[in-house]
Protein backbone atom coordinates (compact mmCIF):
# COMPACT_ATOMS: atom_id res chain seq x y z
CA MET A 1 113.35 134.12 90.10
CA MET A 2 112.07 132.82 92.97
CA LYS A 3 108.72 133.06 92.08
CA TYR A 4 109.70 130.92 88.51
CA PHE A 5 111.17 128.72 90.59
CA ILE A 6 107.90 127.53 93.30
CA LEU A 7 105.98 127.65 90.15
CA ILE A 8 108.38 124.62 88.49
CA ILE A 9 108.06 122.60 91.56
CA CYS A 10 104.49 123.48 92.03
CA VAL A 11 104.18 122.19 88.29
CA ALA A 12 106.41 119.13 89.01
CA LEU A 13 104.51 118.07 92.39
CA GLY A 14 101.63 118.55 90.23
CA ARG A 15 102.51 115.89 87.36
CA SER A 16 104.02 113.56 89.81
CA ALA A 17 101.15 113.39 91.66
CA TYR A 18 98.92 113.55 88.83
CA ALA A 19 101.09 110.56 87.40
CA GLN A 20 100.07 108.15 90.06
CA THR A 21 96.86 106.65 88.62
CA ASP A 22 97.25 103.11 90.10
CA TYR A 23 95.15 102.40 92.84
CA VAL A 24 93.75 100.02 95.10
CA VAL A 25 90.61 98.80 96.83
CA PHE A 26 90.04 96.96 99.89
CA PHE A 27 87.61 94.65 101.18
CA LYS A 28 87.40 97.33 104.09
CA GLY A 29 86.94 100.36 102.23
CA ASP A 30 89.82 102.34 101.55
CA THR A 31 91.53 103.84 98.72
CA LEU A 32 95.45 104.00 98.44
CA ARG A 33 97.12 105.42 95.57
CA GLY A 34 100.84 105.20 94.39
CA ASP A 35 102.38 103.45 92.18
CA ALA A 36 101.13 99.27 92.35
CA LYS A 37 102.92 96.10 91.13
CA ILE A 38 101.81 92.45 91.39
CA LEU A 39 103.62 89.99 92.60
CA SER A 40 103.59 86.13 92.24
CA PHE A 41 103.59 83.69 95.15
CA ASP A 42 103.06 80.28 95.31
CA LYS A 43 99.72 80.59 96.21
CA ILE A 44 98.78 83.87 97.14
CA ASP A 45 99.32 86.28 94.90
CA ARG A 46 100.77 90.16 96.58
CA VAL A 47 100.15 94.11 95.21
CA GLN A 48 103.70 96.21 95.93
CA LEU A 49 102.20 99.96 96.22
CA VAL A 50 104.81 102.93 96.60
CA SER A 51 103.27 106.43 98.07
CA HIS A 52 104.49 108.88 98.74
CA GLY A 53 107.95 106.74 99.36
CA LYS A 54 106.99 104.49 101.21
CA LYS A 55 106.65 100.51 100.27
CA THR A 56 103.72 98.23 101.55
CA ILE A 57 103.02 94.63 100.63
CA TYR A 58 99.37 93.32 100.49
CA GLN A 59 97.77 89.85 100.30
CA ALA A 60 95.69 89.36 97.30
CA THR A 61 93.19 88.26 100.23
CA GLN A 62 92.68 92.34 101.40
CA ILE A 63 92.33 93.23 98.23
CA LYS A 64 88.73 94.46 96.83
CA SER A 65 89.86 95.72 93.14
CA LEU A 66 93.04 97.18 91.76
CA LYS A 67 94.18 99.55 88.87
CA ILE A 68 97.32 99.48 87.17
CA GLU A 69 97.76 102.11 84.78
CA ASN A 70 94.57 101.38 82.04
CA ASP A 71 93.87 97.95 83.53
CA PHE A 72 91.77 96.74 86.46
CA TYR A 73 92.76 93.82 88.37
CA ASN A 74 90.51 91.09 91.22
CA PRO A 75 91.16 88.67 93.31
CA VAL A 76 90.16 85.42 91.64
CA ARG A 77 90.42 82.00 93.41
CA ILE A 78 91.78 79.01 91.19
CA GLU A 79 92.37 75.32 92.42
CA ASN A 80 94.30 76.11 95.43
CA SER A 81 95.70 79.50 94.71
CA ILE A 82 94.11 83.70 95.22
CA ARG A 83 95.37 85.17 91.74
CA MET A 84 95.35 88.76 90.85
CA MET A 85 93.60 88.33 87.90
CA LYS A 86 93.30 91.20 84.68
CA LYS A 87 89.68 92.06 83.82
CA MET A 88 89.49 91.46 80.35
CA LYS A 89 85.49 91.57 79.68
CA GLU A 90 82.93 92.54 82.54
CA GLY A 91 79.48 91.08 83.07
CA TYR A 92 77.61 88.22 84.92
CA LEU A 93 80.39 85.71 83.14
CA SER A 94 83.54 87.51 83.65
CA LEU A 95 86.64 86.83 81.45
CA TYR A 96 90.16 87.23 83.26
CA SER A 97 93.37 86.98 82.28
CA PHE A 98 96.41 85.88 84.57
CA VAL A 99 99.52 84.04 84.25
CA PRO A 100 100.25 80.06 84.23
CA GLU A 101 102.67 79.41 86.77
CA GLY A 102 105.88 78.62 84.86
CA GLN A 103 104.94 81.38 82.08
CA GLY A 104 107.17 84.14 82.69
CA GLY A 105 105.32 86.18 83.54
CA VAL A 106 102.80 85.86 80.60
CA TRP A 107 99.60 86.56 80.97
CA SER A 108 98.11 83.59 77.98
CA GLY A 109 95.93 82.13 80.50
CA GLN A 110 91.82 82.71 80.65
CA TYR A 111 89.77 82.45 83.49
CA LEU A 112 85.73 82.55 83.35
CA LEU A 113 83.92 83.57 86.81
CA LYS A 114 80.17 84.04 87.57
CA LYS A 115 78.71 86.52 89.88
CA ASP A 116 77.75 83.88 91.91
CA GLY A 117 81.60 82.49 92.28
CA LYS A 118 81.57 79.72 90.42
CA GLY A 119 84.69 79.82 87.82
CA ILE A 120 86.74 77.92 85.43
CA GLU A 121 89.73 77.94 83.52
CA VAL A 122 89.11 78.24 79.91
CA PRO A 123 90.58 74.98 78.56
CA ASN A 124 92.65 74.30 75.39
CA LEU A 125 91.64 70.65 74.76
CA SER A 126 87.99 68.93 74.67
CA PHE A 127 87.13 73.36 74.93
CA LYS A 128 83.02 72.82 73.61
CA LYS A 129 82.13 69.64 76.11
CA ILE A 130 83.60 71.53 79.39
CA LEU A 131 82.25 75.22 78.21
CA SER A 132 78.71 73.86 77.44
CA GLY A 133 78.77 72.42 80.64
CA PHE A 134 79.91 75.37 82.39
CA LEU A 135 77.26 77.30 81.11
CA ASN A 136 74.68 74.54 80.16
CA ASP A 137 72.21 77.25 82.47
CA CYS A 138 71.52 79.06 79.00
CA PRO A 139 70.01 76.28 76.59
CA ASP A 140 70.65 78.55 73.46
CA ILE A 141 74.61 78.32 74.17
CA LYS A 142 74.27 74.44 74.68
CA LYS A 143 72.77 74.14 71.25
CA GLY A 144 74.85 76.43 69.75
CA PHE A 145 77.70 73.75 70.81
CA ASP A 146 75.73 70.56 70.17
CA LYS A 147 75.24 72.41 66.45
CA GLY A 148 78.71 72.85 66.07
CA ASP A 149 78.52 77.20 66.03
CA PHE A 150 81.32 78.03 68.75
CA GLY A 151 84.85 77.56 68.63
CA LYS A 152 87.60 78.68 70.94
CA ARG A 153 88.13 81.74 68.75
CA ASP A 154 84.32 82.40 69.01
CA LEU A 155 85.08 83.02 73.05
CA ASP A 156 84.01 86.64 73.21
CA ARG A 157 80.51 86.12 71.26
CA ILE A 158 80.01 82.98 73.24
CA ILE A 159 80.21 85.46 76.80
CA ASP A 160 77.96 88.17 75.29
CA LEU A 161 75.31 85.06 74.29
CA TYR A 162 75.58 84.08 77.77
CA ASN A 163 75.36 87.24 79.13
CA LEU A 164 72.42 88.52 76.96
CA CYS A 165 71.06 84.70 78.66
CA ILE A 166 71.03 85.42 82.32
CA GLU A 167 69.59 89.07 81.78
CA ASN A 168 66.42 87.96 79.94
CA LYS A 169 66.40 85.09 82.17
CA THR A 170 66.68 87.94 85.35
CA HIS A 171 64.00 90.19 83.60
CA ASN A 172 61.51 86.94 83.29
CA ALA A 173 61.98 85.82 86.90
CA SER A 174 61.51 89.78 88.15
CA GLN A 175 57.80 90.15 86.40
CA ALA A 176 57.01 86.87 87.66
CA GLN A 177 58.00 86.74 91.30
CA PRO A 178 57.94 89.09 93.97
CA ALA A 179 60.48 92.31 94.05
CA SER A 180 62.23 90.78 96.98
CA LYS A 181 63.32 87.68 98.58
CA GLU A 182 62.36 87.23 102.50
CA ILE A 183 66.12 87.84 104.10
CA ASP A 184 67.16 84.55 105.99
CA ASN A 185 67.57 85.54 109.67
CA ASN A 186 69.04 82.72 110.89
CA LYS A 187 71.70 82.70 108.53
CA LEU A 188 72.09 86.76 109.18
CA LEU A 189 72.21 85.66 112.87
CA ALA A 190 75.26 83.21 112.25
CA VAL A 191 77.07 86.21 110.66
CA LYS A 192 76.26 88.45 113.74
CA GLU A 193 78.00 85.30 115.85
CA LEU A 194 81.03 85.05 114.22
CA ALA A 195 81.67 88.60 114.43
CA GLU A 196 81.02 88.96 117.91
CA LYS A 197 83.35 85.68 118.51
CA ILE A 198 86.10 87.96 116.66
CA GLU A 199 85.80 90.90 118.48
CA ALA A 200 86.01 88.83 121.96
CA GLU A 201 89.67 87.82 120.91
CA THR A 202 92.85 89.75 120.32
CA PHE A 203 94.93 89.09 116.83
CA SER A 204 96.68 91.47 114.48
CA SER A 205 94.38 91.17 111.56
CA LYS A 206 91.50 91.49 113.70
CA LYS A 207 90.01 94.48 112.09
CA ASP A 208 90.34 93.83 108.48
CA ALA A 209 88.66 90.79 109.84
CA LEU A 210 85.63 92.22 111.25
CA ASP A 211 85.51 94.32 108.19
CA LEU A 212 85.31 91.66 106.08
CA VAL A 213 82.43 90.03 108.25
CA LYS A 214 80.34 93.08 108.14
CA ASP A 215 80.93 92.85 104.19
CA MET A 216 79.09 89.49 104.43
CA GLN A 217 76.42 90.94 106.78
CA GLY A 218 75.63 93.46 103.89
CA LYS A 219 75.51 90.43 101.37
CA VAL A 220 73.05 88.74 103.48
CA SER A 221 70.70 91.03 103.87
CA ARG A 222 70.64 92.13 100.33
CA ASN A 223 70.33 88.46 99.25
CA GLU A 224 73.54 88.28 97.18
CA PRO A 225 76.21 85.07 97.00
CA ILE A 226 79.40 85.17 99.17
CA PRO A 227 81.92 85.14 96.47
CA ASN A 228 84.32 82.23 97.08
CA TYR A 229 87.67 84.96 97.56
CA LEU A 230 85.48 86.41 100.37
CA GLY A 231 85.04 82.98 102.32
CA GLU A 232 89.18 82.79 102.00
CA GLY A 233 89.90 85.71 102.93
CA LEU A 234 88.74 85.59 106.15
CA LYS A 235 90.43 82.54 107.18
CA ALA A 236 93.16 83.86 105.80
CA LEU A 237 92.99 86.60 108.06
CA LEU A 238 91.81 84.69 111.09
CA LYS A 239 94.60 82.02 110.34
CA GLU A 240 96.05 83.15 113.79
CA LYS A 241 93.24 81.79 115.64
CA PRO A 242 92.29 78.15 114.40
CA ALA A 243 88.98 78.16 116.31
CA LEU A 244 88.01 81.26 114.33
CA VAL A 245 89.20 79.59 111.04
CA THR A 246 86.72 76.84 112.20
CA ALA A 247 84.04 79.25 113.31
CA ALA A 248 84.42 80.76 109.78
CA ASP A 249 84.19 77.34 107.65
CA THR A 250 81.00 76.30 109.63
CA LEU A 251 79.43 79.79 108.61
CA LEU A 252 80.11 79.64 105.02
CA THR A 253 78.86 75.94 104.31
CA LEU A 254 75.76 77.67 105.73
CA LEU A 255 75.42 80.71 103.21
CA LYS A 256 75.59 78.58 100.61
CA LYS A 257 72.61 76.38 101.45
């Protein structure tokens, strides 16, 4: 009888552990599993994670990605806020959905985000004019808008065509230019200097801030753009030290050049 009881307990625990499919990936590289829930705030969304009976709340600025059931989310800056948005379509140009203010939890908003950090809310009014301008680095997309081939119902097709256009342009550029671009040592040095300034201070989020700066250093060394939400996340972690926030702003301005 005792053997059967132990077996039932083990099966129940196994099912419980298996059921916890939600997880949070942090900028510092850690991954935590549990039952996750997004909490909406005025400026920066939070994520509540319940793991092993312990409830912890994290700011969106700390989070790199989030999985809840079968959906994936990322922190995205929109106007003066950072929202956890649901990824609907992925590519150089990705499509996200979000809950607009005052919509009572309905994921009715749509947001387009490029890998270079530029983004735009999908408009209801002036859709063709606004999207044509946002995607004007691909002439075929602009021609399609000019000819009246695209409407809002064609958004998925527009995204696919744009990503194909970027893929072809990247391939052609790689054939015509050297495989790698020279690393900007001035930018690398500036990142290192900010890390040293942070290291010299004492404040509650120091470790997380250093992890974010390390992530930035890696992107600079690989000639990758610094996403806007990464910079905003760093400044949020440095808020206890206004001088460091100013230094971070100076660095981010340099990295955009």
